[in-house]
Amino acid sequence: MSRARIVYFSHGGGPLPILGDPSHQAMVEFMTALPQRFPKPSAILVVSAHWEEAVTTLQGGAAPGLLYDYYGFPPESYEVTYPAPGAPVLAERVSGLLQEHGIPTRIDAHRGFDHGLFIPLKLMYPEADIPCLQLSLVRGLDPAAHLALGKALRGLAGEDILVAGSGSSFHNLGAFTFGRGDPKDEANDGFQDWLVDTCTGPHSEAERERRLIHWEEAPAARYVHPRSEHLLPVHVCAAMAGGPGETVFDDSIAGKRCVAFLWGAGA
């Protein structure tokens, strides 16, 4: 029987994961091995930290281009290709699910893939042969609104798709060391430990939601996430899953500990 797989991971610093940056080595190894954990999906839905709209928006083009939404990198960073097809039929299906749950939505037929999609998927599925689409975050970054998005996506649970929350469990740009100096960061460890417990521990669904809504109460929360857009994809993923996941990555990216979670693994 088909069923969706759900994953939340860090997509790293701009194009650095595909440029051979040594501080992204652990992430690259994880991403390239991740597809071995579940069957190849028929489509991929990405909730990207790099797309915010006033109303929940789905990418609806049949052949999206790429948005090189990073700055100051070598010229080859802007020649990256990822010619995966879009998934307009799935976009319509997801739009219908959201509207059934009272979530206003629109479809953007012109937006391209941002690097929250094409960088990790270039590592995971370099053939670019799986239809993909993106789902935006909602401006205001309300945690409860993103939990509601995840609950609405439960209608996809029986479909052969991969839902990927593409963000980062640590995202304080000024604190990344890119491997320089002592990687120990007790403040970050406190937050990562809290997030692992929240997403994989034996909590009731109500308690998990409470913790995610009040994530700012976690240790060092606003140090780790001065702005929450890279965290909120995990709200969508955890709410869609409705139960505990497993930690599938716990290592350093750009000099800071980051974690990743998977729900629905296995045959």
Protein backbone atom coordinates (compact mmCIF):
# COMPACT_ATOMS: atom_id res chain seq x y z
CA MET A 1 0.00 0.00 0.00
CA SER A 2 1.30 3.45 -0.89
CA ARG A 3 1.95 5.96 1.84
CA ALA A 4 3.60 9.30 2.10
CA ARG A 5 7.03 9.75 3.62
CA ILE A 6 7.75 12.97 5.48
CA VAL A 7 11.17 14.45 6.21
CA TYR A 8 12.47 17.67 7.73
CA PHE A 9 16.09 18.61 7.03
CA SER A 10 18.54 21.46 6.65
CA HIS A 11 19.27 22.47 3.06
CA GLY A 12 22.58 24.09 4.09
CA GLY A 13 24.12 27.42 3.21
CA GLY A 14 23.01 28.47 -0.27
CA PRO A 15 24.82 26.42 -2.96
CA LEU A 16 27.70 25.40 -0.66
CA PRO A 17 26.57 21.75 -0.34
CA ILE A 18 27.12 21.19 -4.07
CA LEU A 19 30.32 23.27 -4.27
CA GLY A 20 32.41 20.90 -2.15
CA ASP A 21 32.43 23.06 1.00
CA PRO A 22 34.02 20.86 3.72
CA SER A 23 31.73 22.16 6.48
CA HIS A 24 28.79 20.62 4.58
CA GLN A 25 30.35 17.16 4.14
CA ALA A 26 28.15 15.43 6.73
CA MET A 27 25.03 16.95 5.20
CA VAL A 28 26.03 15.89 1.68
CA GLU A 29 26.64 12.31 2.82
CA PHE A 30 23.28 12.27 4.59
CA MET A 31 21.36 13.71 1.63
CA THR A 32 22.87 11.36 -0.92
CA ALA A 33 22.04 8.33 1.27
CA LEU A 34 18.57 9.46 2.37
CA PRO A 35 16.67 8.07 -0.66
CA GLN A 36 17.79 4.56 0.33
CA ARG A 37 15.49 4.76 3.36
CA PHE A 38 12.23 4.60 1.38
CA PRO A 39 10.92 3.74 -2.10
CA LYS A 40 11.35 6.32 -4.84
CA PRO A 41 8.30 8.62 -4.68
CA SER A 42 6.09 9.49 -7.61
CA ALA A 43 6.14 13.18 -6.61
CA ILE A 44 7.82 15.48 -4.10
CA LEU A 45 6.14 18.32 -2.22
CA VAL A 46 8.62 20.74 -0.63
CA VAL A 47 7.75 23.25 2.09
CA SER A 48 10.61 25.72 1.67
CA ALA A 49 11.85 28.26 4.18
CA HIS A 50 12.58 30.56 1.26
CA TRP A 51 9.00 31.25 0.17
CA GLU A 52 6.51 33.31 2.16
CA GLU A 53 3.16 34.56 0.87
CA ALA A 54 0.21 36.41 2.39
CA VAL A 55 -1.97 33.42 1.45
CA THR A 56 -0.78 29.83 1.33
CA THR A 57 0.47 29.38 -2.23
CA LEU A 58 1.32 26.35 -4.33
CA GLN A 59 3.62 26.28 -7.30
CA GLY A 60 1.57 25.19 -10.28
CA GLY A 61 3.83 25.34 -13.34
CA ALA A 62 4.47 22.30 -15.50
CA ALA A 63 8.17 23.10 -16.02
CA PRO A 64 9.43 25.51 -13.33
CA GLY A 65 12.76 27.27 -13.80
CA LEU A 66 15.22 27.94 -10.98
CA LEU A 67 15.42 30.93 -8.64
CA TYR A 68 19.05 31.56 -7.70
CA ASP A 69 17.98 33.16 -4.45
CA TYR A 70 21.46 33.42 -2.92
CA TYR A 71 24.11 36.09 -3.28
CA GLY A 72 27.88 36.47 -3.44
CA PHE A 73 28.79 32.95 -4.53
CA PRO A 74 31.04 31.82 -7.43
CA PRO A 75 29.71 32.08 -11.01
CA GLU A 76 29.07 28.35 -11.26
CA SER A 77 26.50 28.75 -8.47
CA TYR A 78 24.26 30.53 -10.97
CA GLU A 79 24.65 27.88 -13.66
CA VAL A 80 23.22 25.03 -11.57
CA THR A 81 20.45 23.13 -13.33
CA TYR A 82 17.65 20.96 -11.95
CA PRO A 83 15.13 20.36 -14.74
CA ALA A 84 12.58 18.39 -12.73
CA PRO A 85 9.02 18.63 -14.04
CA GLY A 86 6.38 20.44 -12.04
CA ALA A 87 3.30 18.75 -10.61
CA PRO A 88 0.27 20.89 -11.51
CA VAL A 89 -2.24 18.08 -10.95
CA LEU A 90 -0.89 17.49 -7.44
CA ALA A 91 -0.97 21.26 -6.84
CA GLU A 92 -4.70 21.25 -7.59
CA ARG A 93 -5.19 18.28 -5.26
CA VAL A 94 -3.31 19.94 -2.42
CA SER A 95 -5.14 23.20 -2.99
CA GLY A 96 -8.43 21.36 -2.65
CA LEU A 97 -7.35 19.71 0.61
CA LEU A 98 -6.33 23.04 2.11
CA GLN A 99 -9.57 24.71 1.11
CA GLU A 100 -11.57 21.82 2.58
CA HIS A 101 -9.89 22.69 5.88
CA GLY A 102 -10.75 26.37 5.60
CA ILE A 103 -7.24 27.45 4.55
CA PRO A 104 -7.29 30.07 1.77
CA THR A 105 -4.94 29.11 -1.03
CA ARG A 106 -3.80 30.13 -4.47
CA ILE A 107 -1.70 28.57 -7.23
CA ASP A 108 1.22 30.40 -8.81
CA ALA A 109 1.89 28.98 -12.27
CA HIS A 110 5.01 31.07 -12.86
CA ARG A 111 7.25 30.74 -9.79
CA GLY A 112 10.43 28.68 -10.14
CA PHE A 113 12.13 26.28 -7.73
CA ASP A 114 14.15 28.06 -5.04
CA HIS A 115 17.34 26.64 -3.54
CA GLY A 116 15.38 25.11 -0.66
CA LEU A 117 14.26 22.60 -3.27
CA PHE A 118 16.92 22.29 -5.93
CA ILE A 119 20.00 22.09 -3.68
CA PRO A 120 18.86 19.14 -1.50
CA LEU A 121 17.06 17.37 -4.34
CA LYS A 122 20.11 17.66 -6.60
CA LEU A 123 21.90 15.59 -3.94
CA MET A 124 19.01 13.19 -3.31
CA TYR A 125 17.68 12.69 -6.84
CA PRO A 126 20.27 14.07 -9.29
CA GLU A 127 18.39 12.62 -12.27
CA ALA A 128 15.70 15.32 -11.70
CA ASP A 129 13.06 12.90 -12.98
CA ILE A 130 10.47 13.20 -10.18
CA PRO A 131 7.69 15.80 -10.49
CA CYS A 132 8.11 18.46 -7.80
CA LEU A 133 6.18 21.37 -6.39
CA GLN A 134 6.56 23.81 -3.52
CA LEU A 135 4.19 25.00 -0.82
CA SER A 136 4.81 28.42 0.68
CA LEU A 137 4.96 29.48 4.28
CA VAL A 138 2.43 32.08 5.40
CA ARG A 139 3.59 35.59 6.21
CA GLY A 140 3.45 36.39 9.90
CA LEU A 141 5.01 32.97 10.57
CA ASP A 142 2.32 31.90 13.04
CA PRO A 143 3.21 28.43 14.38
CA ALA A 144 -0.44 27.40 14.75
CA ALA A 145 -1.15 28.29 11.12
CA HIS A 146 1.63 25.99 9.97
CA LEU A 147 0.44 23.16 12.18
CA ALA A 148 -2.94 23.60 10.49
CA LEU A 149 -1.27 23.28 7.09
CA GLY A 150 0.27 19.99 8.16
CA LYS A 151 -3.04 18.62 9.42
CA ALA A 152 -4.69 19.51 6.11
CA LEU A 153 -1.96 17.59 4.26
CA ARG A 154 -2.94 14.38 6.05
CA GLY A 155 -5.23 13.78 3.10
CA LEU A 156 -2.08 12.84 1.18
CA ALA A 157 -1.03 10.18 3.69
CA GLY A 158 -2.01 7.29 1.42
CA GLU A 159 -0.27 8.64 -1.66
CA ASP A 160 3.13 7.71 -3.00
CA ILE A 161 4.79 11.07 -2.35
CA LEU A 162 7.61 12.56 -0.34
CA VAL A 163 6.81 15.66 1.70
CA ALA A 164 10.01 17.54 2.56
CA GLY A 165 10.25 20.36 5.07
CA SER A 166 13.34 22.20 3.83
CA GLY A 167 14.75 24.60 6.39
CA SER A 168 17.37 24.26 9.12
CA SER A 169 17.14 23.41 12.80
CA PHE A 170 19.83 26.05 13.41
CA HIS A 171 19.58 29.31 11.49
CA ASN A 172 21.45 32.19 13.08
CA LEU A 173 23.47 33.44 10.12
CA GLY A 174 25.89 35.43 12.25
CA ALA A 175 26.78 32.42 14.40
CA PHE A 176 27.76 29.87 11.75
CA THR A 177 31.50 29.15 11.95
CA PHE A 178 31.86 27.04 8.77
CA GLY A 179 34.08 24.67 10.68
CA ARG A 180 36.34 27.28 12.27
CA GLY A 181 37.16 26.99 15.97
CA ASP A 182 35.45 24.91 18.67
CA PRO A 183 32.14 23.53 17.34
CA LYS A 184 30.76 23.15 20.88
CA ASP A 185 27.74 25.38 21.42
CA GLU A 186 25.86 24.55 24.61
CA ALA A 187 23.06 26.98 23.82
CA ASN A 188 22.43 25.34 20.47
CA ASP A 189 22.70 21.88 22.02
CA GLY A 190 19.92 22.78 24.41
CA PHE A 191 17.61 23.76 21.58
CA GLN A 192 18.50 20.77 19.38
CA ASP A 193 17.91 18.40 22.29
CA TRP A 194 14.51 20.02 22.88
CA LEU A 195 13.60 19.70 19.20
CA VAL A 196 14.65 16.04 19.08
CA ASP A 197 12.54 15.31 22.15
CA THR A 198 9.58 17.23 20.75
CA CYS A 199 9.61 15.49 17.37
CA THR A 200 10.62 11.96 18.39
CA GLY A 201 9.65 11.63 22.05
CA PRO A 202 6.59 9.77 23.44
CA HIS A 203 4.40 12.86 23.66
CA SER A 204 0.70 13.01 22.97
CA GLU A 205 -0.26 14.83 19.80
CA ALA A 206 -1.71 17.65 21.90
CA GLU A 207 1.52 18.03 23.89
CA ARG A 208 3.65 17.98 20.74
CA GLU A 209 1.47 20.73 19.24
CA ARG A 210 1.68 22.75 22.44
CA ARG A 211 5.45 22.58 22.42
CA LEU A 212 5.67 23.57 18.76
CA ILE A 213 3.24 26.46 19.16
CA HIS A 214 5.28 27.74 22.11
CA TRP A 215 8.68 26.92 20.60
CA GLU A 216 10.05 30.26 21.79
CA GLU A 217 9.99 28.80 25.31
CA ALA A 218 12.61 26.23 24.30
CA PRO A 219 16.22 26.72 25.46
CA ALA A 220 18.01 29.47 23.50
CA ALA A 221 15.15 29.55 20.99
CA ARG A 222 15.73 33.05 19.64
CA TYR A 223 19.48 32.59 19.53
CA VAL A 224 19.05 29.53 17.34
CA HIS A 225 16.22 31.08 15.30
CA PRO A 226 16.25 34.90 15.34
CA ARG A 227 13.52 34.51 12.70
CA SER A 228 11.47 31.33 12.50
CA GLU A 229 11.12 30.67 8.76
CA HIS A 230 13.72 27.87 8.78
CA LEU A 231 12.03 26.14 11.71
CA LEU A 232 8.39 26.27 10.62
CA PRO A 233 8.66 23.55 7.96
CA VAL A 234 9.06 21.13 10.87
CA HIS A 235 5.67 22.28 12.19
CA VAL A 236 4.08 21.32 8.89
CA CYS A 237 5.84 17.95 8.83
CA ALA A 238 5.16 17.00 12.44
CA ALA A 239 1.49 17.95 12.19
CA MET A 240 1.03 15.99 8.98
CA ALA A 241 2.62 12.93 10.57
CA GLY A 242 0.58 13.19 13.77
CA GLY A 243 3.01 11.04 15.72
CA PRO A 244 6.69 10.76 16.63
CA GLY A 245 9.36 10.55 13.96
CA GLU A 246 12.94 9.32 14.10
CA THR A 247 16.14 11.34 14.13
CA VAL A 248 18.02 10.56 10.93
CA PHE A 249 20.71 13.25 11.12
CA ASP A 250 22.46 14.80 14.11
CA ASP A 251 25.72 16.36 13.02
CA SER A 252 27.44 19.62 12.13
CA ILE A 253 26.51 21.81 9.14
CA ALA A 254 28.56 24.96 8.57
CA GLY A 255 30.01 24.53 12.05
CA LYS A 256 26.72 24.19 13.96
CA ARG A 257 24.81 21.14 15.13
CA CYS A 258 21.67 20.48 13.08
CA VAL A 259 19.15 17.65 13.14
CA ALA A 260 16.76 16.01 10.68
CA PHE A 261 13.68 13.85 11.18
CA LEU A 262 11.85 11.22 9.17
CA TRP A 263 8.31 9.96 9.51
CA GLY A 264 6.82 6.97 7.70
CA ALA A 265 10.00 5.09 6.79
CA GLY A 266 9.99 1.47 5.75
CA ALA A 267 8.45 -0.54 2.94
